[in-house]
PDB file of N, CA and C in Angstrom:
ATOM      1  N   MET A   1       0.834  -1.125   0.085  1.00  0.00           N
ATOM      2  CA  MET A   1       0.060  -0.124   0.279  1.00  0.00           C
ATOM      3  C   MET A   1       1.025   1.261   0.002  1.00  0.00           C
ATOM      4  N   SER A   2       2.002   1.318   0.741  1.00  0.00           N
ATOM      5  CA  SER A   2       2.660   2.702   0.954  1.00  0.00           C
ATOM      6  C   SER A   2       3.171   2.810  -0.448  1.00  0.00           C
ATOM      7  N   ASP A   3       3.872   2.045  -1.060  1.00  0.00           N
ATOM      8  CA  ASP A   3       4.428   2.470  -2.435  1.00  0.00           C
ATOM      9  C   ASP A   3       3.177   2.823  -3.345  1.00  0.00           C
ATOM     10  N   ALA A   4       2.225   2.680  -3.786  1.00  0.00           N
ATOM     11  CA  ALA A   4       1.035   3.361  -4.289  1.00  0.00           C
ATOM     12  C   ALA A   4       1.029   4.580  -3.916  1.00  0.00           C
ATOM     13  N   ARG A   5       0.666   4.826  -2.412  1.00  0.00           N
ATOM     14  CA  ARG A   5       0.532   6.133  -1.816  1.00  0.00           C
ATOM     15  C   ARG A   5       1.575   7.234  -1.835  1.00  0.00           C
ATOM     16  N   LEU A   6       2.674   6.663  -2.062  1.00  0.00           N
ATOM     17  CA  LEU A   6       3.775   7.324  -2.090  1.00  0.00           C
ATOM     18  C   LEU A   6       3.975   7.887  -3.430  1.00  0.00           C
ATOM     19  N   GLU A   7       3.699   7.072  -4.300  1.00  0.00           N
ATOM     20  CA  GLU A   7       3.701   7.449  -6.027  1.00  0.00           C
ATOM     21  C   GLU A   7       2.580   8.360  -6.006  1.00  0.00           C
ATOM     22  N   GLN A   8       1.355   8.190  -5.178  1.00  0.00           N
ATOM     23  CA  GLN A   8       0.158   9.189  -5.415  1.00  0.00           C
ATOM     24  C   GLN A   8       0.700  10.688  -4.949  1.00  0.00           C
ATOM     25  N   LEU A   9       1.476  10.653  -4.295  1.00  0.00           N
ATOM     26  CA  LEU A   9       1.728  11.902  -3.302  1.00  0.00           C
ATOM     27  C   LEU A   9       2.767  12.572  -4.355  1.00  0.00           C
ATOM     28  N   GLY A  10       3.897  11.958  -5.019  1.00  0.00           N
ATOM     29  CA  GLY A  10       4.743  12.325  -5.938  1.00  0.00           C
ATOM     30  C   GLY A  10       6.212  12.338  -5.569  1.00  0.00           C
ATOM     31  N   GLN A  11       6.966  12.932  -6.302  1.00  0.00           N
ATOM     32  CA  GLN A  11       8.506  12.675  -6.093  1.00  0.00           C
ATOM     33  C   GLN A  11       9.085  13.331  -4.969  1.00  0.00           C
ATOM     34  N   ARG A  12       8.313  14.607  -4.228  1.00  0.00           N
ATOM     35  CA  ARG A  12       9.030  15.191  -3.398  1.00  0.00           C
ATOM     36  C   ARG A  12       8.731  14.408  -1.893  1.00  0.00           C
ATOM     37  N   TRP A  13       8.044  13.396  -1.981  1.00  0.00           N
ATOM     38  CA  TRP A  13       7.626  12.538  -0.743  1.00  0.00           C
ATOM     39  C   TRP A  13       8.626  11.482  -0.628  1.00  0.00           C
ATOM     40  N   THR A  14       9.263  11.006   0.542  1.00  0.00           N
ATOM     41  CA  THR A  14       9.524   9.996   0.735  1.00  0.00           C
ATOM     42  C   THR A  14       9.117   9.201   1.973  1.00  0.00           C
ATOM     43  N   ILE A  15       9.394   7.921   2.219  1.00  0.00           N
ATOM     44  CA  ILE A  15       9.583   7.301   3.765  1.00  0.00           C
ATOM     45  C   ILE A  15      11.087   7.163   4.001  1.00  0.00           C
ATOM     46  N   SER A  16      11.234   7.616   5.355  1.00  0.00           N
ATOM     47  CA  SER A  16      12.480   7.502   5.843  1.00  0.00           C
ATOM     48  C   SER A  16      12.180   7.355   7.608  1.00  0.00           C
ATOM     49  N   ASN A  17      12.833   6.184   7.991  1.00  0.00           N
ATOM     50  CA  ASN A  17      13.109   5.938   9.312  1.00  0.00           C
ATOM     51  C   ASN A  17      11.313   6.165  10.006  1.00  0.00           C
ATOM     52  N   ASN A  18      10.521   5.130   9.299  1.00  0.00           N
ATOM     53  CA  ASN A  18       9.199   5.218   9.778  1.00  0.00           C
ATOM     54  C   ASN A  18       8.301   6.308   9.601  1.00  0.00           C
ATOM     55  N   GLU A  19       8.736   7.203   8.886  1.00  0.00           N
ATOM     56  CA  GLU A  19       7.954   8.476   8.752  1.00  0.00           C
ATOM     57  C   GLU A  19       7.800   8.984   7.328  1.00  0.00           C
ATOM     58  N   LEU A  20       6.587   9.493   6.987  1.00  0.00           N
ATOM     59  CA  LEU A  20       6.370  10.102   5.747  1.00  0.00           C
ATOM     60  C   LEU A  20       6.982  11.507   5.715  1.00  0.00           C
ATOM     61  N   ARG A  21       7.944  11.774   4.740  1.00  0.00           N
ATOM     62  CA  ARG A  21       8.814  12.904   4.576  1.00  0.00           C
ATOM     63  C   ARG A  21       8.664  13.771   3.339  1.00  0.00           C
ATOM     64  N   LEU A  22       8.622  15.297   3.544  1.00  0.00           N
ATOM     65  CA  LEU A  22       8.407  15.964   2.424  1.00  0.00           C
ATOM     66  C   LEU A  22       9.647  16.821   2.695  1.00  0.00           C
ATOM     67  N   GLU A  23      10.330  16.998   1.296  1.00  0.00           N
ATOM     68  CA  GLU A  23      11.363  17.922   1.193  1.00  0.00           C
ATOM     69  C   GLU A  23      11.185  18.969  -0.100  1.00  0.00           C
ATOM     70  N   LEU A  24      11.236  20.529   0.458  1.00  0.00           N
ATOM     71  CA  LEU A  24      11.242  21.450  -0.487  1.00  0.00           C
ATOM     72  C   LEU A  24      12.382  22.081  -0.623  1.00  0.00           C
ATOM     73  N   LYS A  25      12.536  22.809  -1.505  1.00  0.00           N
ATOM     74  CA  LYS A  25      13.823  23.652  -1.555  1.00  0.00           C
ATOM     75  C   LYS A  25      13.123  25.022  -2.539  1.00  0.00           C
ATOM     76  N   GLY A  26      13.400  26.099  -1.990  1.00  0.00           N
ATOM     77  CA  GLY A  26      13.008  27.441  -2.264  1.00  0.00           C
ATOM     78  C   GLY A  26      13.321  28.618  -1.680  1.00  0.00           C
ATOM     79  N   PRO A  27      12.882  29.491  -1.885  1.00  0.00           N
ATOM     80  CA  PRO A  27      13.152  30.716  -0.804  1.00  0.00           C
ATOM     81  C   PRO A  27      12.285  30.765   0.321  1.00  0.00           C
ATOM     82  N   MET A  28      12.947  31.440   1.430  1.00  0.00           N
ATOM     83  CA  MET A  28      12.099  31.112   2.807  1.00  0.00           C
ATOM     84  C   MET A  28      10.729  31.660   2.649  1.00  0.00           C
ATOM     85  N   THR A  29      10.494  32.660   1.778  1.00  0.00           N
ATOM     86  CA  THR A  29       9.289  33.270   1.938  1.00  0.00           C
ATOM     87  C   THR A  29       8.019  32.344   1.531  1.00  0.00           C
ATOM     88  N   ARG A  30       8.309  31.232   0.312  1.00  0.00           N
ATOM     89  CA  ARG A  30       7.756  30.328  -0.010  1.00  0.00           C
ATOM     90  C   ARG A  30       7.463  29.376   0.687  1.00  0.00           C
ATOM     91  N   THR A  31       8.634  28.713   1.166  1.00  0.00           N
ATOM     92  CA  THR A  31       8.636  27.561   2.259  1.00  0.00           C
ATOM     93  C   THR A  31       7.991  28.231   3.567  1.00  0.00           C
ATOM     94  N   GLY A  32       8.082  29.128   3.938  1.00  0.00           N
ATOM     95  CA  GLY A  32       7.357  29.776   5.104  1.00  0.00           C
ATOM     96  C   GLY A  32       6.007  29.573   4.909  1.00  0.00           C
ATOM     97  N   GLN A  33       5.273  29.850   4.008  1.00  0.00           N
ATOM     98  CA  GLN A  33       4.216  29.871   3.488  1.00  0.00           C
ATOM     99  C   GLN A  33       3.614  28.271   3.809  1.00  0.00           C
ATOM    100  N   VAL A  34       4.461  27.491   3.100  1.00  0.00           N
ATOM    101  CA  VAL A  34       4.317  25.796   3.321  1.00  0.00           C
ATOM    102  C   VAL A  34       3.952  25.662   4.787  1.00  0.00           C
ATOM    103  N   ALA A  35       5.077  26.080   5.754  1.00  0.00           N
ATOM    104  CA  ALA A  35       5.217  25.740   7.067  1.00  0.00           C
ATOM    105  C   ALA A  35       3.813  26.257   7.877  1.00  0.00           C
ATOM    106  N   ALA A  36       3.292  27.292   7.396  1.00  0.00           N
ATOM    107  CA  ALA A  36       2.189  27.910   7.931  1.00  0.00           C
ATOM    108  C   ALA A  36       0.872  27.320   7.798  1.00  0.00           C
ATOM    109  N   TYR A  37       0.696  27.038   6.180  1.00  0.00           N
ATOM    110  CA  TYR A  37      -0.283  26.103   6.181  1.00  0.00           C
ATOM    111  C   TYR A  37      -0.112  24.615   6.659  1.00  0.00           C
ATOM    112  N   ALA A  38       1.104  24.203   6.594  1.00  0.00           N
ATOM    113  CA  ALA A  38       1.161  22.660   7.686  1.00  0.00           C
ATOM    114  C   ALA A  38       0.563  22.922   8.729  1.00  0.00           C
ATOM    115  N   GLY A  39       0.931  23.860   9.576  1.00  0.00           N
ATOM    116  CA  GLY A  39       0.573  24.241  10.947  1.00  0.00           C
ATOM    117  C   GLY A  39      -0.926  24.466  11.067  1.00  0.00           C
ATOM    118  N   LYS A  40      -1.568  24.954  10.043  1.00  0.00           N
ATOM    119  CA  LYS A  40      -2.981  25.109  10.023  1.00  0.00           C
ATOM    120  C   LYS A  40      -3.624  23.867   9.734  1.00  0.00           C
ATOM    121  N   LEU A  41      -3.053  23.253   9.205  1.00  0.00           N
ATOM    122  CA  LEU A  41      -3.623  21.791   8.623  1.00  0.00           C
ATOM    123  C   LEU A  41      -3.492  21.047   9.950  1.00  0.00           C
ATOM    124  N   ALA A  42      -2.193  20.842  10.617  1.00  0.00           N
ATOM    125  CA  ALA A  42      -2.033  20.257  11.795  1.00  0.00           C
ATOM    126  C   ALA A  42      -3.038  20.367  12.827  1.00  0.00           C
ATOM    127  N   ASP A  43      -3.498  21.696  13.091  1.00  0.00           N
ATOM    128  CA  ASP A  43      -4.164  22.087  14.127  1.00  0.00           C
ATOM    129  C   ASP A  43      -5.890  21.503  13.761  1.00  0.00           C
ATOM    130  N   GLU A  44      -6.060  21.747  12.545  1.00  0.00           N
ATOM    131  CA  GLU A  44      -7.454  21.125  12.002  1.00  0.00           C
ATOM    132  C   GLU A  44      -7.725  19.517  12.121  1.00  0.00           C
ATOM    133  N   MET A  45      -6.455  18.918  11.912  1.00  0.00           N
ATOM    134  CA  MET A  45      -6.601  17.433  12.059  1.00  0.00           C
ATOM    135  C   MET A  45      -6.006  16.881  13.379  1.00  0.00           C
ATOM    136  N   ASP A  46      -5.667  17.823  14.313  1.00  0.00           N
ATOM    137  CA  ASP A  46      -5.157  17.480  15.610  1.00  0.00           C
ATOM    138  C   ASP A  46      -4.112  16.388  15.359  1.00  0.00           C
ATOM    139  N   HIS A  47      -3.080  16.735  14.382  1.00  0.00           N
ATOM    140  CA  HIS A  47      -2.210  15.724  13.981  1.00  0.00           C
ATOM    141  C   HIS A  47      -1.026  16.671  13.715  1.00  0.00           C
ATOM    142  N   HIS A  48       0.067  16.534  14.454  1.00  0.00           N
ATOM    143  CA  HIS A  48       1.095  17.252  14.479  1.00  0.00           C
ATOM    144  C   HIS A  48       2.612  16.700  13.658  1.00  0.00           C
ATOM    145  N   PRO A  49       2.820  17.184  12.601  1.00  0.00           N
ATOM    146  CA  PRO A  49       4.218  16.911  12.230  1.00  0.00           C
ATOM    147  C   PRO A  49       5.538  17.441  12.681  1.00  0.00           C
ATOM    148  N   THR A  50       6.799  17.277  12.420  1.00  0.00           N
ATOM    149  CA  THR A  50       7.895  17.952  12.672  1.00  0.00           C
ATOM    150  C   THR A  50       8.388  18.950  11.508  1.00  0.00           C
ATOM    151  N   ILE A  51       8.636  20.031  11.505  1.00  0.00           N
ATOM    152  CA  ILE A  51       8.791  21.116  10.583  1.00  0.00           C
ATOM    153  C   ILE A  51      10.063  21.754  10.757  1.00  0.00           C
ATOM    154  N   LYS A  52      10.851  21.374   9.820  1.00  0.00           N
ATOM    155  CA  LYS A  52      12.053  22.363   9.999  1.00  0.00           C
ATOM    156  C   LYS A  52      12.301  23.114   8.753  1.00  0.00           C
ATOM    157  N   LEU A  53      12.360  24.424   9.276  1.00  0.00           N
ATOM    158  CA  LEU A  53      12.310  25.813   8.005  1.00  0.00           C
ATOM    159  C   LEU A  53      13.799  26.059   8.034  1.00  0.00           C
ATOM    160  N   GLU A  54      14.508  26.268   6.930  1.00  0.00           N
ATOM    161  CA  GLU A  54      15.799  27.005   7.189  1.00  0.00           C
ATOM    162  C   GLU A  54      15.739  27.678   5.848  1.00  0.00           C
ATOM    163  N   TYR A  55      16.934  28.450   5.650  1.00  0.00           N
ATOM    164  CA  TYR A  55      17.136  29.437   4.584  1.00  0.00           C
ATOM    165  C   TYR A  55      16.870  28.669   3.206  1.00  0.00           C
ATOM    166  N   ALA A  56      17.665  27.374   2.870  1.00  0.00           N
ATOM    167  CA  ALA A  56      17.361  26.673   1.727  1.00  0.00           C
ATOM    168  C   ALA A  56      16.426  25.920   1.512  1.00  0.00           C
ATOM    169  N   GLY A  57      15.275  25.828   2.208  1.00  0.00           N
ATOM    170  CA  GLY A  57      14.185  24.973   2.169  1.00  0.00           C
ATOM    171  C   GLY A  57      13.505  24.406   3.403  1.00  0.00           C
ATOM    172  N   LEU A  58      12.560  23.350   3.418  1.00  0.00           N
ATOM    173  CA  LEU A  58      11.717  22.911   4.212  1.00  0.00           C
ATOM    174  C   LEU A  58      11.795  21.441   4.598  1.00  0.00           C
ATOM    175  N   THR A  59      11.707  20.873   5.696  1.00  0.00           N
ATOM    176  CA  THR A  59      11.652  19.357   5.824  1.00  0.00           C
ATOM    177  C   THR A  59      10.582  19.287   6.645  1.00  0.00           C
ATOM    178  N   LEU A  60       9.425  18.220   6.375  1.00  0.00           N
ATOM    179  CA  LEU A  60       8.558  18.129   7.239  1.00  0.00           C
ATOM    180  C   LEU A  60       8.385  16.570   7.221  1.00  0.00           C
ATOM    181  N   THR A  61       8.614  16.223   8.628  1.00  0.00           N
ATOM    182  CA  THR A  61       8.048  14.719   8.550  1.00  0.00           C
ATOM    183  C   THR A  61       6.650  14.397   9.515  1.00  0.00           C
ATOM    184  N   ILE A  62       6.049  13.244   9.288  1.00  0.00           N
ATOM    185  CA  ILE A  62       4.901  12.995  10.035  1.00  0.00           C
ATOM    186  C   ILE A  62       4.546  11.508  10.191  1.00  0.00           C
ATOM    187  N   ASN A  63       4.387  11.147  11.453  1.00  0.00           N
ATOM    188  CA  ASN A  63       3.960   9.698  11.565  1.00  0.00           C
ATOM    189  C   ASN A  63       3.135   9.708  12.645  1.00  0.00           C
ATOM    190  N   THR A  64       2.490   8.676  13.148  1.00  0.00           N
ATOM    191  CA  THR A  64       1.776   8.605  14.259  1.00  0.00           C
ATOM    192  C   THR A  64       2.448   7.960  15.297  1.00  0.00           C
ATOM    193  N   HIS A  65       2.836   8.814  16.452  1.00  0.00           N
ATOM    194  CA  HIS A  65       3.793   8.530  17.165  1.00  0.00           C
ATOM    195  C   HIS A  65       3.076   7.175  18.376  1.00  0.00           C
ATOM    196  N   THR A  66       1.922   7.054  18.602  1.00  0.00           N
ATOM    197  CA  THR A  66       1.546   6.122  19.344  1.00  0.00           C
ATOM    198  C   THR A  66       1.589   4.667  18.516  1.00  0.00           C
ATOM    199  N   ALA A  67       1.556   4.640  17.359  1.00  0.00           N
ATOM    200  CA  ALA A  67       1.604   3.460  16.475  1.00  0.00           C
ATOM    201  C   ALA A  67       2.835   3.168  16.180  1.00  0.00           C
ATOM    202  N   LYS A  68       3.808   4.037  16.311  1.00  0.00           N
ATOM    203  CA  LYS A  68       5.107   4.006  15.762  1.00  0.00           C
ATOM    204  C   LYS A  68       5.109   3.635  14.555  1.00  0.00           C
ATOM    205  N   ALA A  69       4.315   4.082  13.505  1.00  0.00           N
ATOM    206  CA  ALA A  69       4.210   3.719  12.090  1.00  0.00           C
ATOM    207  C   ALA A  69       3.548   4.812  11.302  1.00  0.00           C
ATOM    208  N   ILE A  70       3.664   4.740  10.201  1.00  0.00           N
ATOM    209  CA  ILE A  70       2.689   5.672   9.210  1.00  0.00           C
ATOM    210  C   ILE A  70       1.413   4.874   8.912  1.00  0.00           C
ATOM    211  N   THR A  71       0.409   5.926   9.329  1.00  0.00           N
ATOM    212  CA  THR A  71      -0.994   5.404   9.594  1.00  0.00           C
ATOM    213  C   THR A  71      -1.897   6.303   8.410  1.00  0.00           C
ATOM    214  N   GLN A  72      -3.091   5.902   8.341  1.00  0.00           N
ATOM    215  CA  GLN A  72      -4.346   6.300   7.431  1.00  0.00           C
ATOM    216  C   GLN A  72      -4.124   8.052   7.800  1.00  0.00           C
ATOM    217  N   LEU A  73      -3.929   8.466   8.919  1.00  0.00           N
ATOM    218  CA  LEU A  73      -3.898   9.849   9.141  1.00  0.00           C
ATOM    219  C   LEU A  73      -2.984  10.321   8.909  1.00  0.00           C
ATOM    220  N   ASP A  74      -1.744  10.005   8.813  1.00  0.00           N
ATOM    221  CA  ASP A  74      -0.470  10.520   7.912  1.00  0.00           C
ATOM    222  C   ASP A  74      -0.473  10.663   6.609  1.00  0.00           C
ATOM    223  N   TRP A  75      -1.262   9.487   5.823  1.00  0.00           N
ATOM    224  CA  TRP A  75      -1.537   9.505   4.373  1.00  0.00           C
ATOM    225  C   TRP A  75      -2.436  10.916   4.196  1.00  0.00           C
ATOM    226  N   ASP A  76      -3.537  10.877   4.998  1.00  0.00           N
ATOM    227  CA  ASP A  76      -4.327  11.960   4.902  1.00  0.00           C
ATOM    228  C   ASP A  76      -3.886  13.549   5.026  1.00  0.00           C
ATOM    229  N   PHE A  77      -2.904  13.552   5.813  1.00  0.00           N
ATOM    230  CA  PHE A  77      -2.227  14.863   5.940  1.00  0.00           C
ATOM    231  C   PHE A  77      -1.513  15.094   4.774  1.00  0.00           C
ATOM    232  N   GLY A  78      -0.718  13.907   4.454  1.00  0.00           N
ATOM    233  CA  GLY A  78       0.131  14.172   3.049  1.00  0.00           C
ATOM    234  C   GLY A  78      -0.557  14.204   1.995  1.00  0.00           C
ATOM    235  N   ASP A  79      -1.816  13.994   1.775  1.00  0.00           N
ATOM    236  CA  ASP A  79      -2.732  14.142   0.677  1.00  0.00           C
ATOM    237  C   ASP A  79      -3.341  15.642   0.621  1.00  0.00           C
ATOM    238  N   ARG A  80      -3.789  16.143   1.905  1.00  0.00           N
ATOM    239  CA  ARG A  80      -4.106  17.362   1.918  1.00  0.00           C
ATOM    240  C   ARG A  80      -2.972  18.461   1.635  1.00  0.00           C
ATOM    241  N   LEU A  81      -1.840  18.210   2.021  1.00  0.00           N
ATOM    242  CA  LEU A  81      -0.967  19.032   2.013  1.00  0.00           C
ATOM    243  C   LEU A  81      -0.507  19.274   0.489  1.00  0.00           C
ATOM    244  N   GLU A  82      -0.059  18.000  -0.176  1.00  0.00           N
ATOM    245  CA  GLU A  82       0.074  17.743  -1.363  1.00  0.00           C
ATOM    246  C   GLU A  82      -0.736  18.705  -2.232  1.00  0.00           C
ATOM    247  N   THR A  83      -2.153  18.402  -2.269  1.00  0.00           N
ATOM    248  CA  THR A  83      -3.422  19.282  -2.783  1.00  0.00           C
ATOM    249  C   THR A  83      -3.138  20.613  -2.957  1.00  0.00           C
ATOM    250  N   TRP A  84      -2.667  21.142  -1.653  1.00  0.00           N
ATOM    251  CA  TRP A  84      -2.558  22.497  -1.375  1.00  0.00           C
ATOM    252  C   TRP A  84      -1.360  23.136  -1.977  1.00  0.00           C
ATOM    253  N   LEU A  85      -0.138  22.295  -2.064  1.00  0.00           N
ATOM    254  CA  LEU A  85       0.952  22.597  -2.868  1.00  0.00           C
ATOM    255  C   LEU A  85       0.855  22.805  -4.350  1.00  0.00           C
ATOM    256  N   ARG A  86       0.151  21.816  -4.724  1.00  0.00           N
ATOM    257  CA  ARG A  86      -0.210  21.992  -6.178  1.00  0.00           C
ATOM    258  C   ARG A  86      -1.048  23.121  -6.847  1.00  0.00           C
ATOM    259  N   ALA A  87      -2.085  23.397  -5.916  1.00  0.00           N
ATOM    260  CA  ALA A  87      -3.178  24.398  -6.082  1.00  0.00           C
ATOM    261  C   ALA A  87      -2.041  25.872  -5.948  1.00  0.00           C
ATOM    262  N   ASN A  88      -0.835  25.838  -5.280  1.00  0.00           N
ATOM    263  CA  ASN A  88      -0.376  26.822  -5.059  1.00  0.00           C
ATOM    264  C   ASN A  88       1.032  27.079  -5.654  1.00  0.00           C
ATOM    265  N   GLY A  89       1.110  26.457  -6.735  1.00  0.00           N
ATOM    266  CA  GLY A  89       2.052  26.828  -7.761  1.00  0.00           C
ATOM    267  C   GLY A  89       3.476  25.862  -7.413  1.00  0.00           C
ATOM    268  N   TRP A  90       3.192  24.852  -6.749  1.00  0.00           N
ATOM    269  CA  TRP A  90       4.517  24.038  -6.307  1.00  0.00           C
ATOM    270  C   TRP A  90       4.436  22.926  -7.509  1.00  0.00           C
ATOM    271  N   PRO A  91       5.452  22.987  -8.426  1.00  0.00           N
ATOM    272  CA  PRO A  91       5.587  22.019  -9.533  1.00  0.00           C
ATOM    273  C   PRO A  91       5.740  20.494  -8.851  1.00  0.00           C
ATOM    274  N   THR A  92       4.903  19.531  -9.708  1.00  0.00           N
ATOM    275  CA  THR A  92       5.389  18.207  -9.029  1.00  0.00           C
ATOM    276  C   THR A  92       6.227  17.544  -9.637  1.00  0.00           C
TER     277      THR A  92
END
């Protein structure tokens, strides 16, 4: 299941250390907008990723800590964030 779901999210997503991982490169003004939206989404879903924002880009990781695995909730978070990315000019 995870291979098909990962392919659906696109190339900027990977799985590492049992976490769903997004990496973006770009100016901080753009990646900061992604961090802000991811925070809004996290509050809406009551599911909170780790977000690392640096000058050269953004790294976001998410998994369900209680399950120590990637769960449906993580995939749903990734789907919603990826939909927003595509709608806001981030090429796939």
